Amino acid sequence: MKIIPSIDIFKGKVVRLVKGDPKNITIYSDNPVEIAEKWKIQGAEMIHVVDLDSALGTGIDNHPEILRIVKKTKIPIQVGGGIRSYKSASTLLEKGVARVVVGTVAFRNLKELDKMIQVFGKDKITVALDYVAEKVVIKGWTQSTGIILKDAISKLQERGVEVFLLTAVERDGMLSGPDHKTLSSIVKTQNAKVIASGGVTSIQDLIRLKKSGLFGAIIGKALYEEKISLEEAISTLR
């Protein structure tokens, strides 16, 4: 199982939001590149970068900072947040981003998603399914699709999607543990490659996720609050 540290960028700073709420924010650093290099030194083989400004439509462009992370770390960087068109995905992928994470486009513009998969390949596209009470939400968690999580996965698998990033919104930034029940059920019943996000608090959480057969787990607040050592986590799960 891949252990993937997260760097959430908002107004050029490394932050964490609670349940995606920009009014409930903690700032950890004003240097995203420095944080990325720190995670690389501690053993990260991939970093998950979230462009919160793009997701929330603030108008601030974080692409230069993201591309500096790509250039400096020289490890695969997965980027999500506000990627709602083929053009925005191609801009990142053509400049060295390893994988893009899309969400809203999978529900509002399937032609764009199909084009991304066709042109760039399945391994370059991850679909983020953020959910509240088992229903998928989009547009920076501000709108409910009314679609049940498992139904969404089935329909997207038919279109060629292989990797899903699942975020339990109610657990994100809460340090309350992952939604083990939902995650393990999806891995078992839908044969999907699942990356878990939201709530990871301890190495025991990671061990349990690995036993459930998850493809990867993203760690955010637990790293920044020093609840988990990245080096120890990678060593333990290896």
Foldseek 3Di string as FASTA:
>chain_A
DAEAEEFEADPQFGWFAQLLDPVRIDTQGNQSLVVLQVLVVLPHQEYEYEDACLLQVVPDDCVVSVLSNCVVNVHAYEYEHNPQALVSLCVVVVSRHQAYEAEVNLPVPVVRVLVNCVPPNQRRYEYEFEDEPQFGAGSSRPGTPRDGNLVSVVVVVVSPHAEYEYEDSNQAPPLQAFPLVVLLVCCVPPVGAYEYEGNDAALVSVVSNVVSPHNYYYDYPNVSVVSDRSNVSVVVVD
